[in-house]
Amino acid sequence: MSRRSSAYTKLEIEDPEDVKHRRAQFLIYKVLQQAAHSSPRRRRRSWLRIRMCKLRVRIGNRLKKLRKGIVLSVGAAKASGHKQVISHMRTWKRLFALV
C-alpha cells in the first residue's frame, strides 16, 4: 500500500522561547493596529460638536449669572422688607410708649 498524499504529518514540537516570542510579536502587532485605527477618530472632532460644546458653556454661564442675580435681588428684597418691618415696629414702640 502506498501512503496517501493527504495524510497528516507529524509536527515538530516548538521551542517554548519561540512560542513566547511569536506571541509577543503578535500582541505588539495587534496593539499597533488598534492604535493606528483609533488615533484619527480621536483627533478628528466635528465642527458641529465643537460648536455645541461652546454653546453649552455659554448657556451655562448665562444661567449662572441669572441665578446669582436672582439670589442677590431676593436677598436685597428681604433685607429691604426687613428694614421696613423694623422701622414700623420702632414707630409703634414709640407710639405705645407715649400712650
N, C-alpha and C. Protein backbone atom coordinates (compact mmCIF):
# COMPACT_ATOMS: atom_id res chain seq x y z
N MET A 1 0.82 -1.18 0.00
CA MET A 1 0.00 0.00 0.00
C MET A 1 0.87 1.25 0.00
N SER A 2 0.44 2.19 -0.76
CA SER A 2 1.20 3.44 -0.81
C SER A 2 0.59 4.46 0.17
N ARG A 3 1.42 5.40 0.59
CA ARG A 3 0.95 6.44 1.52
C ARG A 3 0.04 7.42 0.81
N ARG A 4 -0.94 7.85 1.50
CA ARG A 4 -1.82 8.86 0.91
C ARG A 4 -1.13 10.22 0.96
N SER A 5 -1.42 11.04 -0.02
CA SER A 5 -0.80 12.37 -0.05
C SER A 5 -1.48 13.33 0.93
N SER A 6 -2.73 13.04 1.29
CA SER A 6 -3.46 13.93 2.19
C SER A 6 -3.38 13.49 3.65
N ALA A 7 -2.54 12.56 3.96
CA ALA A 7 -2.42 12.08 5.33
C ALA A 7 -1.77 13.15 6.20
N TYR A 8 -2.06 13.09 7.50
CA TYR A 8 -1.50 14.06 8.43
C TYR A 8 -0.01 13.80 8.62
N THR A 9 0.72 14.89 8.79
CA THR A 9 2.15 14.75 9.06
C THR A 9 2.41 15.16 10.50
N LYS A 10 3.37 14.57 11.10
CA LYS A 10 3.68 14.87 12.48
C LYS A 10 4.46 16.19 12.54
N LEU A 11 3.97 17.12 13.41
CA LEU A 11 4.62 18.42 13.56
C LEU A 11 5.70 18.33 14.63
N GLU A 12 6.73 19.10 14.41
CA GLU A 12 7.79 19.15 15.40
C GLU A 12 7.35 20.01 16.58
N ILE A 13 7.76 19.64 17.76
CA ILE A 13 7.43 20.43 18.95
C ILE A 13 8.32 21.67 18.94
N GLU A 14 7.64 22.84 19.10
CA GLU A 14 8.38 24.10 19.03
C GLU A 14 9.04 24.42 20.36
N ASP A 15 10.07 25.19 20.27
CA ASP A 15 10.78 25.64 21.45
C ASP A 15 9.88 26.64 22.21
N PRO A 16 9.72 26.52 23.54
CA PRO A 16 8.86 27.44 24.28
C PRO A 16 9.27 28.91 24.13
N GLU A 17 10.55 29.17 23.99
CA GLU A 17 11.01 30.55 23.80
C GLU A 17 10.50 31.11 22.47
N ASP A 18 10.50 30.27 21.43
CA ASP A 18 9.99 30.71 20.12
C ASP A 18 8.50 31.00 20.20
N VAL A 19 7.77 30.17 20.95
CA VAL A 19 6.33 30.38 21.10
C VAL A 19 6.07 31.71 21.81
N LYS A 20 6.80 31.98 22.89
CA LYS A 20 6.64 33.26 23.61
C LYS A 20 6.98 34.45 22.72
N HIS A 21 8.05 34.30 21.96
CA HIS A 21 8.47 35.39 21.08
C HIS A 21 7.41 35.67 20.01
N ARG A 22 6.88 34.63 19.41
CA ARG A 22 5.87 34.81 18.37
C ARG A 22 4.59 35.42 18.95
N ARG A 23 4.21 34.97 20.14
CA ARG A 23 3.01 35.51 20.78
C ARG A 23 3.21 37.00 21.12
N ALA A 24 4.39 37.36 21.61
CA ALA A 24 4.68 38.76 21.92
C ALA A 24 4.64 39.62 20.65
N GLN A 25 5.20 39.11 19.57
CA GLN A 25 5.17 39.85 18.30
C GLN A 25 3.73 40.06 17.84
N PHE A 26 2.91 39.03 17.99
CA PHE A 26 1.51 39.14 17.58
C PHE A 26 0.79 40.19 18.42
N LEU A 27 1.01 40.17 19.74
CA LEU A 27 0.35 41.15 20.61
C LEU A 27 0.81 42.57 20.29
N ILE A 28 2.09 42.74 20.02
CA ILE A 28 2.59 44.07 19.64
C ILE A 28 1.94 44.52 18.34
N TYR A 29 1.82 43.61 17.39
CA TYR A 29 1.19 43.93 16.11
C TYR A 29 -0.26 44.35 16.32
N LYS A 30 -0.99 43.63 17.18
CA LYS A 30 -2.40 43.95 17.41
C LYS A 30 -2.55 45.32 18.08
N VAL A 31 -1.69 45.62 19.04
CA VAL A 31 -1.77 46.91 19.73
C VAL A 31 -1.47 48.05 18.76
N LEU A 32 -0.45 47.88 17.94
CA LEU A 32 -0.12 48.91 16.95
C LEU A 32 -1.25 49.10 15.95
N GLN A 33 -1.89 48.00 15.57
CA GLN A 33 -3.00 48.08 14.63
C GLN A 33 -4.18 48.84 15.25
N GLN A 34 -4.49 48.55 16.50
CA GLN A 34 -5.58 49.26 17.18
C GLN A 34 -5.25 50.74 17.32
N ALA A 35 -4.01 51.05 17.64
CA ALA A 35 -3.62 52.46 17.78
C ALA A 35 -3.72 53.19 16.45
N ALA A 36 -3.36 52.51 15.38
CA ALA A 36 -3.43 53.14 14.05
C ALA A 36 -4.87 53.40 13.65
N HIS A 37 -5.78 52.51 14.03
CA HIS A 37 -7.18 52.68 13.64
C HIS A 37 -7.91 53.69 14.52
N SER A 38 -7.54 53.79 15.79
CA SER A 38 -8.30 54.65 16.69
C SER A 38 -7.77 56.08 16.76
N SER A 39 -6.52 56.33 16.41
CA SER A 39 -5.98 57.68 16.57
C SER A 39 -6.63 58.72 15.67
N PRO A 40 -6.95 58.46 14.40
CA PRO A 40 -7.61 59.51 13.60
C PRO A 40 -8.98 59.87 14.14
N ARG A 41 -9.68 58.89 14.72
CA ARG A 41 -11.01 59.19 15.25
C ARG A 41 -10.92 60.14 16.43
N ARG A 42 -9.89 59.95 17.27
CA ARG A 42 -9.75 60.81 18.43
C ARG A 42 -9.37 62.23 18.02
N ARG A 43 -8.49 62.34 17.05
CA ARG A 43 -8.02 63.68 16.65
C ARG A 43 -9.11 64.47 15.95
N ARG A 44 -9.90 63.77 15.13
CA ARG A 44 -10.88 64.47 14.31
C ARG A 44 -12.14 64.74 15.13
N ARG A 45 -12.42 66.00 15.43
CA ARG A 45 -13.66 66.35 16.10
C ARG A 45 -14.47 67.20 15.13
N SER A 46 -15.72 66.89 15.02
CA SER A 46 -16.53 67.62 14.05
C SER A 46 -16.77 69.05 14.54
N TRP A 47 -16.90 69.95 13.60
CA TRP A 47 -17.12 71.35 13.93
C TRP A 47 -18.45 71.52 14.65
N LEU A 48 -19.43 70.66 14.32
CA LEU A 48 -20.73 70.77 14.97
C LEU A 48 -20.63 70.44 16.45
N ARG A 49 -19.86 69.41 16.78
CA ARG A 49 -19.69 69.03 18.18
C ARG A 49 -18.98 70.14 18.95
N ILE A 50 -17.99 70.76 18.33
CA ILE A 50 -17.26 71.85 19.00
C ILE A 50 -18.19 73.03 19.24
N ARG A 51 -19.01 73.36 18.24
CA ARG A 51 -19.94 74.48 18.40
C ARG A 51 -20.96 74.19 19.48
N MET A 52 -21.43 72.93 19.54
CA MET A 52 -22.40 72.57 20.57
C MET A 52 -21.79 72.70 21.96
N CYS A 53 -20.54 72.29 22.11
CA CYS A 53 -19.85 72.41 23.41
C CYS A 53 -19.73 73.87 23.81
N LYS A 54 -19.33 74.72 22.87
CA LYS A 54 -19.19 76.14 23.17
C LYS A 54 -20.54 76.75 23.55
N LEU A 55 -21.59 76.34 22.83
CA LEU A 55 -22.93 76.86 23.12
C LEU A 55 -23.38 76.43 24.51
N ARG A 56 -23.10 75.17 24.87
CA ARG A 56 -23.45 74.69 26.20
C ARG A 56 -22.75 75.50 27.29
N VAL A 57 -21.49 75.82 27.06
CA VAL A 57 -20.74 76.61 28.04
C VAL A 57 -21.34 77.99 28.16
N ARG A 58 -21.69 78.60 27.03
CA ARG A 58 -22.27 79.94 27.08
C ARG A 58 -23.60 79.94 27.81
N ILE A 59 -24.44 78.95 27.51
CA ILE A 59 -25.74 78.86 28.18
C ILE A 59 -25.55 78.66 29.68
N GLY A 60 -24.60 77.80 30.03
CA GLY A 60 -24.33 77.56 31.45
C GLY A 60 -23.88 78.81 32.17
N ASN A 61 -23.01 79.59 31.53
CA ASN A 61 -22.54 80.83 32.14
C ASN A 61 -23.68 81.82 32.31
N ARG A 62 -24.54 81.91 31.31
CA ARG A 62 -25.67 82.84 31.42
C ARG A 62 -26.63 82.42 32.53
N LEU A 63 -26.88 81.11 32.64
CA LEU A 63 -27.76 80.64 33.70
C LEU A 63 -27.16 80.92 35.08
N LYS A 64 -25.85 80.77 35.18
CA LYS A 64 -25.18 81.05 36.46
C LYS A 64 -25.33 82.52 36.83
N LYS A 65 -25.12 83.41 35.84
CA LYS A 65 -25.28 84.85 36.09
C LYS A 65 -26.71 85.17 36.51
N LEU A 66 -27.68 84.56 35.81
CA LEU A 66 -29.09 84.80 36.11
C LEU A 66 -29.42 84.35 37.53
N ARG A 67 -28.91 83.16 37.90
CA ARG A 67 -29.17 82.64 39.23
C ARG A 67 -28.57 83.56 40.30
N LYS A 68 -27.33 84.02 40.06
CA LYS A 68 -26.70 84.94 41.02
C LYS A 68 -27.51 86.23 41.15
N GLY A 69 -27.97 86.75 40.01
CA GLY A 69 -28.76 87.97 40.03
C GLY A 69 -30.05 87.80 40.80
N ILE A 70 -30.71 86.66 40.61
CA ILE A 70 -31.97 86.40 41.32
C ILE A 70 -31.72 86.29 42.81
N VAL A 71 -30.66 85.57 43.18
CA VAL A 71 -30.35 85.41 44.60
C VAL A 71 -30.04 86.77 45.23
N LEU A 72 -29.27 87.60 44.52
CA LEU A 72 -28.95 88.92 45.06
C LEU A 72 -30.20 89.79 45.20
N SER A 73 -31.08 89.74 44.18
CA SER A 73 -32.28 90.58 44.24
C SER A 73 -33.23 90.11 45.33
N VAL A 74 -33.35 88.79 45.49
CA VAL A 74 -34.22 88.27 46.55
C VAL A 74 -33.64 88.63 47.91
N GLY A 75 -32.32 88.51 48.03
CA GLY A 75 -31.67 88.89 49.30
C GLY A 75 -31.86 90.37 49.59
N ALA A 76 -31.74 91.20 48.57
CA ALA A 76 -31.92 92.65 48.75
C ALA A 76 -33.37 92.95 49.12
N ALA A 77 -34.31 92.25 48.48
CA ALA A 77 -35.73 92.46 48.79
C ALA A 77 -36.02 92.06 50.22
N LYS A 78 -35.45 90.94 50.66
CA LYS A 78 -35.65 90.51 52.04
C LYS A 78 -35.08 91.53 53.01
N ALA A 79 -33.90 92.02 52.68
CA ALA A 79 -33.25 93.00 53.56
C ALA A 79 -34.06 94.28 53.63
N SER A 80 -34.55 94.75 52.48
CA SER A 80 -35.32 95.99 52.50
C SER A 80 -36.65 95.77 53.21
N GLY A 81 -37.26 94.61 53.00
CA GLY A 81 -38.51 94.30 53.70
C GLY A 81 -38.28 94.21 55.20
N HIS A 82 -37.16 93.62 55.57
CA HIS A 82 -36.81 93.51 56.99
C HIS A 82 -36.60 94.89 57.60
N LYS A 83 -35.93 95.76 56.86
CA LYS A 83 -35.71 97.13 57.34
C LYS A 83 -37.03 97.86 57.54
N GLN A 84 -37.97 97.67 56.60
CA GLN A 84 -39.26 98.34 56.71
C GLN A 84 -40.02 97.85 57.94
N VAL A 85 -39.98 96.53 58.15
CA VAL A 85 -40.69 95.97 59.31
C VAL A 85 -40.08 96.50 60.60
N ILE A 86 -38.77 96.54 60.67
CA ILE A 86 -38.09 97.05 61.87
C ILE A 86 -38.45 98.52 62.11
N SER A 87 -38.47 99.31 61.03
CA SER A 87 -38.80 100.73 61.20
C SER A 87 -40.24 100.90 61.67
N HIS A 88 -41.17 100.09 61.14
CA HIS A 88 -42.57 100.17 61.59
C HIS A 88 -42.68 99.78 63.06
N MET A 89 -41.96 98.74 63.45
CA MET A 89 -42.01 98.31 64.85
C MET A 89 -41.47 99.39 65.77
N ARG A 90 -40.43 100.08 65.33
CA ARG A 90 -39.87 101.17 66.14
C ARG A 90 -40.89 102.29 66.32
N THR A 91 -41.58 102.62 65.21
CA THR A 91 -42.58 103.70 65.32
C THR A 91 -43.73 103.26 66.23
N TRP A 92 -44.17 102.01 66.13
CA TRP A 92 -45.25 101.52 67.00
C TRP A 92 -44.79 101.53 68.46
N LYS A 93 -43.52 101.17 68.66
CA LYS A 93 -42.97 101.16 70.01
C LYS A 93 -43.02 102.57 70.60
N ARG A 94 -42.64 103.54 69.78
CA ARG A 94 -42.66 104.92 70.24
C ARG A 94 -44.09 105.37 70.55
N LEU A 95 -45.03 104.97 69.65
CA LEU A 95 -46.43 105.36 69.86
C LEU A 95 -46.97 104.76 71.16
N PHE A 96 -46.70 103.47 71.37
CA PHE A 96 -47.23 102.82 72.57
C PHE A 96 -46.50 103.28 73.83
N ALA A 97 -45.27 103.71 73.67
CA ALA A 97 -44.52 104.20 74.83
C ALA A 97 -45.08 105.54 75.30
N LEU A 98 -45.59 106.32 74.36
CA LEU A 98 -46.15 107.62 74.70
C LEU A 98 -47.51 107.49 75.37
N VAL A 99 -48.27 106.47 75.00
CA VAL A 99 -49.64 106.34 75.49
C VAL A 99 -49.71 105.86 76.90
